[in-house]
Amino acid sequence: MPVPKRRTGKAKKNMRRSHHALTPMGLSENQDTGERTPQHRVCLKTGYYKGRQVIPVKD
């Protein structure tokens, strides 16, 4: 089984990991309430998703 001849340096290791950063979650404006909510998620205030009610909401 092959073994690395030299240790990987800090700079090379960090260059390889440069694409591992997290990206911020995409937020879109809710058409009913006007709040910024995560995309492709049910609005918990109204219970709507894509213009139709998916979950019942308690008042």
PDB file of N, CA and C in Angstrom:
ATOM      1  N   MET A   1       0.848  -1.180   0.000  1.00  0.00           N
ATOM      2  CA  MET A   1       0.000   0.000   0.000  1.00  0.00           C
ATOM      3  C   MET A   1       0.892   1.241   0.000  1.00  0.00           C
ATOM      4  N   PRO A   2       0.640   2.205  -0.895  1.00  0.00           N
ATOM      5  CA  PRO A   2       1.507   3.371  -0.963  1.00  0.00           C
ATOM      6  C   PRO A   2       1.362   4.282   0.254  1.00  0.00           C
ATOM      7  N   VAL A   3       2.469   4.878   0.611  1.00  0.00           N
ATOM      8  CA  VAL A   3       2.520   5.786   1.750  1.00  0.00           C
ATOM      9  C   VAL A   3       3.122   7.103   1.255  1.00  0.00           C
ATOM     10  N   PRO A   4       2.578   8.265   1.682  1.00  0.00           N
ATOM     11  CA  PRO A   4       3.158   9.534   1.246  1.00  0.00           C
ATOM     12  C   PRO A   4       4.612   9.672   1.699  1.00  0.00           C
ATOM     13  N   LYS A   5       5.444  10.173   0.791  1.00  0.00           N
ATOM     14  CA  LYS A   5       6.868  10.316   1.114  1.00  0.00           C
ATOM     15  C   LYS A   5       7.100  11.504   2.050  1.00  0.00           C
ATOM     16  N   ARG A   6       6.360  12.591   1.843  1.00  0.00           N
ATOM     17  CA  ARG A   6       6.513  13.793   2.661  1.00  0.00           C
ATOM     18  C   ARG A   6       5.177  14.164   3.294  1.00  0.00           C
ATOM     19  N   ARG A   7       5.277  14.853   4.403  1.00  0.00           N
ATOM     20  CA  ARG A   7       4.077  15.347   5.078  1.00  0.00           C
ATOM     21  C   ARG A   7       3.469  16.488   4.274  1.00  0.00           C
ATOM     22  N   THR A   8       2.136  16.545   4.203  1.00  0.00           N
ATOM     23  CA  THR A   8       1.456  17.640   3.523  1.00  0.00           C
ATOM     24  C   THR A   8       1.539  18.887   4.397  1.00  0.00           C
ATOM     25  N   GLY A   9       2.021  19.985   3.828  1.00  0.00           N
ATOM     26  CA  GLY A   9       2.188  21.218   4.588  1.00  0.00           C
ATOM     27  C   GLY A   9       0.865  21.904   4.886  1.00  0.00           C
ATOM     28  N   LYS A  10       0.908  22.877   5.813  1.00  0.00           N
ATOM     29  CA  LYS A  10      -0.307  23.610   6.204  1.00  0.00           C
ATOM     30  C   LYS A  10      -0.899  24.379   5.028  1.00  0.00           C
ATOM     31  N   ALA A  11      -0.045  25.002   4.230  1.00  0.00           N
ATOM     32  CA  ALA A  11      -0.546  25.807   3.110  1.00  0.00           C
ATOM     33  C   ALA A  11      -1.245  24.926   2.079  1.00  0.00           C
ATOM     34  N   LYS A  12      -0.668  23.803   1.740  1.00  0.00           N
ATOM     35  CA  LYS A  12      -1.257  22.904   0.755  1.00  0.00           C
ATOM     36  C   LYS A  12      -2.566  22.312   1.277  1.00  0.00           C
ATOM     37  N   LYS A  13      -2.585  21.977   2.562  1.00  0.00           N
ATOM     38  CA  LYS A  13      -3.781  21.424   3.189  1.00  0.00           C
ATOM     39  C   LYS A  13      -4.913  22.451   3.162  1.00  0.00           C
ATOM     40  N   ASN A  14      -4.602  23.716   3.494  1.00  0.00           N
ATOM     41  CA  ASN A  14      -5.620  24.758   3.508  1.00  0.00           C
ATOM     42  C   ASN A  14      -6.096  25.115   2.108  1.00  0.00           C
ATOM     43  N   MET A  15      -5.205  25.012   1.107  1.00  0.00           N
ATOM     44  CA  MET A  15      -5.638  25.254  -0.273  1.00  0.00           C
ATOM     45  C   MET A  15      -6.630  24.195  -0.712  1.00  0.00           C
ATOM     46  N   ARG A  16      -6.390  22.966  -0.309  1.00  0.00           N
ATOM     47  CA  ARG A  16      -7.295  21.879  -0.671  1.00  0.00           C
ATOM     48  C   ARG A  16      -8.662  22.068  -0.010  1.00  0.00           C
ATOM     49  N   ARG A  17      -8.664  22.610   1.188  1.00  0.00           N
ATOM     50  CA  ARG A  17      -9.913  22.783   1.939  1.00  0.00           C
ATOM     51  C   ARG A  17     -10.599  24.120   1.649  1.00  0.00           C
ATOM     52  N   SER A  18     -10.141  24.854   0.669  1.00  0.00           N
ATOM     53  CA  SER A  18     -10.712  26.174   0.403  1.00  0.00           C
ATOM     54  C   SER A  18     -12.158  26.096  -0.071  1.00  0.00           C
ATOM     55  N   HIS A  19     -12.592  24.948  -0.590  1.00  0.00           N
ATOM     56  CA  HIS A  19     -13.958  24.803  -1.084  1.00  0.00           C
ATOM     57  C   HIS A  19     -14.887  24.185  -0.049  1.00  0.00           C
ATOM     58  N   HIS A  20     -14.414  23.994   1.162  1.00  0.00           N
ATOM     59  CA  HIS A  20     -15.226  23.348   2.187  1.00  0.00           C
ATOM     60  C   HIS A  20     -16.091  24.320   2.982  1.00  0.00           C
ATOM     61  N   ALA A  21     -16.027  25.607   2.661  1.00  0.00           N
ATOM     62  CA  ALA A  21     -16.772  26.607   3.435  1.00  0.00           C
ATOM     63  C   ALA A  21     -18.269  26.441   3.199  1.00  0.00           C
ATOM     64  N   LEU A  22     -19.057  26.767   4.202  1.00  0.00           N
ATOM     65  CA  LEU A  22     -20.506  26.713   4.093  1.00  0.00           C
ATOM     66  C   LEU A  22     -21.021  27.962   3.396  1.00  0.00           C
ATOM     67  N   THR A  23     -22.073  27.807   2.613  1.00  0.00           N
ATOM     68  CA  THR A  23     -22.694  28.953   1.950  1.00  0.00           C
ATOM     69  C   THR A  23     -23.941  29.354   2.734  1.00  0.00           C
ATOM     70  N   PRO A  24     -24.281  30.634   2.754  1.00  0.00           N
ATOM     71  CA  PRO A  24     -25.476  31.053   3.485  1.00  0.00           C
ATOM     72  C   PRO A  24     -26.742  30.502   2.836  1.00  0.00           C
ATOM     73  N   MET A  25     -27.747  30.256   3.674  1.00  0.00           N
ATOM     74  CA  MET A  25     -29.002  29.700   3.205  1.00  0.00           C
ATOM     75  C   MET A  25     -29.751  30.731   2.359  1.00  0.00           C
ATOM     76  N   GLY A  26     -30.326  30.296   1.257  1.00  0.00           N
ATOM     77  CA  GLY A  26     -31.079  31.193   0.395  1.00  0.00           C
ATOM     78  C   GLY A  26     -32.410  31.567   1.015  1.00  0.00           C
ATOM     79  N   LEU A  27     -32.682  32.845   1.117  1.00  0.00           N
ATOM     80  CA  LEU A  27     -33.943  33.325   1.671  1.00  0.00           C
ATOM     81  C   LEU A  27     -34.744  34.012   0.575  1.00  0.00           C
ATOM     82  N   SER A  28     -36.039  33.793   0.594  1.00  0.00           N
ATOM     83  CA  SER A  28     -36.910  34.467  -0.362  1.00  0.00           C
ATOM     84  C   SER A  28     -38.048  35.128   0.406  1.00  0.00           C
ATOM     85  N   GLU A  29     -38.641  36.125  -0.221  1.00  0.00           N
ATOM     86  CA  GLU A  29     -39.723  36.860   0.435  1.00  0.00           C
ATOM     87  C   GLU A  29     -41.025  36.094   0.282  1.00  0.00           C
ATOM     88  N   ASN A  30     -41.700  35.873   1.398  1.00  0.00           N
ATOM     89  CA  ASN A  30     -42.982  35.182   1.392  1.00  0.00           C
ATOM     90  C   ASN A  30     -44.039  36.105   0.795  1.00  0.00           C
ATOM     91  N   GLN A  31     -44.820  35.607  -0.161  1.00  0.00           N
ATOM     92  CA  GLN A  31     -45.806  36.450  -0.835  1.00  0.00           C
ATOM     93  C   GLN A  31     -46.977  36.810   0.067  1.00  0.00           C
ATOM     94  N   ASP A  32     -47.312  35.935   1.016  1.00  0.00           N
ATOM     95  CA  ASP A  32     -48.462  36.193   1.890  1.00  0.00           C
ATOM     96  C   ASP A  32     -48.127  37.154   3.024  1.00  0.00           C
ATOM     97  N   THR A  33     -47.024  36.890   3.724  1.00  0.00           N
ATOM     98  CA  THR A  33     -46.698  37.687   4.904  1.00  0.00           C
ATOM     99  C   THR A  33     -45.627  38.738   4.647  1.00  0.00           C
ATOM    100  N   GLY A  34     -44.842  38.588   3.583  1.00  0.00           N
ATOM    101  CA  GLY A  34     -43.781  39.536   3.291  1.00  0.00           C
ATOM    102  C   GLY A  34     -42.502  39.294   4.071  1.00  0.00           C
ATOM    103  N   GLU A  35     -42.438  38.204   4.853  1.00  0.00           N
ATOM    104  CA  GLU A  35     -41.243  37.884   5.627  1.00  0.00           C
ATOM    105  C   GLU A  35     -40.237  37.133   4.762  1.00  0.00           C
ATOM    106  N   ARG A  36     -38.983  37.173   5.179  1.00  0.00           N
ATOM    107  CA  ARG A  36     -37.937  36.417   4.493  1.00  0.00           C
ATOM    108  C   ARG A  36     -37.900  35.016   5.109  1.00  0.00           C
ATOM    109  N   THR A  37     -38.134  33.996   4.300  1.00  0.00           N
ATOM    110  CA  THR A  37     -38.174  32.621   4.764  1.00  0.00           C
ATOM    111  C   THR A  37     -37.246  31.771   3.909  1.00  0.00           C
ATOM    112  N   PRO A  38     -36.781  30.620   4.427  1.00  0.00           N
ATOM    113  CA  PRO A  38     -35.946  29.737   3.616  1.00  0.00           C
ATOM    114  C   PRO A  38     -36.709  29.223   2.399  1.00  0.00           C
ATOM    115  N   GLN A  39     -35.993  29.039   1.293  1.00  0.00           N
ATOM    116  CA  GLN A  39     -36.630  28.563   0.075  1.00  0.00           C
ATOM    117  C   GLN A  39     -37.025  27.098   0.218  1.00  0.00           C
ATOM    118  N   HIS A  40     -38.094  26.704  -0.463  1.00  0.00           N
ATOM    119  CA  HIS A  40     -38.580  25.326  -0.494  1.00  0.00           C
ATOM    120  C   HIS A  40     -38.953  24.821   0.890  1.00  0.00           C
ATOM    121  N   ARG A  41     -39.485  25.688   1.732  1.00  0.00           N
ATOM    122  CA  ARG A  41     -39.939  25.300   3.062  1.00  0.00           C
ATOM    123  C   ARG A  41     -41.352  25.829   3.265  1.00  0.00           C
ATOM    124  N   VAL A  42     -42.130  25.141   4.079  1.00  0.00           N
ATOM    125  CA  VAL A  42     -43.482  25.566   4.401  1.00  0.00           C
ATOM    126  C   VAL A  42     -43.402  26.751   5.352  1.00  0.00           C
ATOM    127  N   CYS A  43     -44.217  27.781   5.110  1.00  0.00           N
ATOM    128  CA  CYS A  43     -44.290  28.923   6.019  1.00  0.00           C
ATOM    129  C   CYS A  43     -45.019  28.466   7.279  1.00  0.00           C
ATOM    130  N   LEU A  44     -44.370  28.582   8.422  1.00  0.00           N
ATOM    131  CA  LEU A  44     -44.959  28.096   9.661  1.00  0.00           C
ATOM    132  C   LEU A  44     -46.054  29.013  10.188  1.00  0.00           C
ATOM    133  N   LYS A  45     -46.061  30.288   9.770  1.00  0.00           N
ATOM    134  CA  LYS A  45     -47.106  31.207  10.222  1.00  0.00           C
ATOM    135  C   LYS A  45     -48.429  30.949   9.507  1.00  0.00           C
ATOM    136  N   THR A  46     -48.368  30.722   8.192  1.00  0.00           N
ATOM    137  CA  THR A  46     -49.590  30.540   7.410  1.00  0.00           C
ATOM    138  C   THR A  46     -49.860  29.092   7.037  1.00  0.00           C
ATOM    139  N   GLY A  47     -48.817  28.247   6.999  1.00  0.00           N
ATOM    140  CA  GLY A  47     -48.984  26.850   6.619  1.00  0.00           C
ATOM    141  C   GLY A  47     -49.045  26.639   5.120  1.00  0.00           C
ATOM    142  N   TYR A  48     -48.688  27.673   4.333  1.00  0.00           N
ATOM    143  CA  TYR A  48     -48.769  27.585   2.881  1.00  0.00           C
ATOM    144  C   TYR A  48     -47.426  27.231   2.272  1.00  0.00           C
ATOM    145  N   TYR A  49     -47.503  26.491   1.149  1.00  0.00           N
ATOM    146  CA  TYR A  49     -46.329  26.190   0.339  1.00  0.00           C
ATOM    147  C   TYR A  49     -46.785  26.154  -1.112  1.00  0.00           C
ATOM    148  N   LYS A  50     -46.146  26.964  -1.948  1.00  0.00           N
ATOM    149  CA  LYS A  50     -46.464  27.078  -3.375  1.00  0.00           C
ATOM    150  C   LYS A  50     -47.937  27.427  -3.610  1.00  0.00           C
ATOM    151  N   GLY A  51     -48.467  28.319  -2.787  1.00  0.00           N
ATOM    152  CA  GLY A  51     -49.807  28.833  -3.004  1.00  0.00           C
ATOM    153  C   GLY A  51     -50.937  27.969  -2.480  1.00  0.00           C
ATOM    154  N   ARG A  52     -50.648  26.864  -1.822  1.00  0.00           N
ATOM    155  CA  ARG A  52     -51.720  26.052  -1.251  1.00  0.00           C
ATOM    156  C   ARG A  52     -51.377  25.697   0.191  1.00  0.00           C
ATOM    157  N   GLN A  53     -52.428  25.523   1.005  1.00  0.00           N
ATOM    158  CA  GLN A  53     -52.213  25.252   2.404  1.00  0.00           C
ATOM    159  C   GLN A  53     -51.841  23.777   2.583  1.00  0.00           C
ATOM    160  N   VAL A  54     -50.720  23.540   3.250  1.00  0.00           N
ATOM    161  CA  VAL A  54     -50.190  22.201   3.404  1.00  0.00           C
ATOM    162  C   VAL A  54     -50.408  21.682   4.834  1.00  0.00           C
ATOM    163  N   ILE A  55     -50.205  22.557   5.811  1.00  0.00           N
ATOM    164  CA  ILE A  55     -50.393  22.156   7.204  1.00  0.00           C
ATOM    165  C   ILE A  55     -51.405  23.102   7.855  1.00  0.00           C
ATOM    166  N   PRO A  56     -52.254  22.570   8.725  1.00  0.00           N
ATOM    167  CA  PRO A  56     -53.194  23.455   9.438  1.00  0.00           C
ATOM    168  C   PRO A  56     -52.446  24.293  10.466  1.00  0.00           C
ATOM    169  N   VAL A  57     -52.885  25.534  10.657  1.00  0.00           N
ATOM    170  CA  VAL A  57     -52.232  26.443  11.586  1.00  0.00           C
ATOM    171  C   VAL A  57     -53.166  26.724  12.745  1.00  0.00           C
ATOM    172  N   LYS A  58     -52.617  26.643  13.962  1.00  0.00           N
ATOM    173  CA  LYS A  58     -53.397  26.971  15.150  1.00  0.00           C
ATOM    174  C   LYS A  58     -53.419  28.469  15.352  1.00  0.00           C
ATOM    175  N   ASP A  59     -54.560  29.027  15.691  1.00  0.00           N
ATOM    176  CA  ASP A  59     -54.671  30.470  15.911  1.00  0.00           C
ATOM    177  C   ASP A  59     -54.304  30.872  17.309  1.00  0.00           C
TER     178      ASP A  59
END
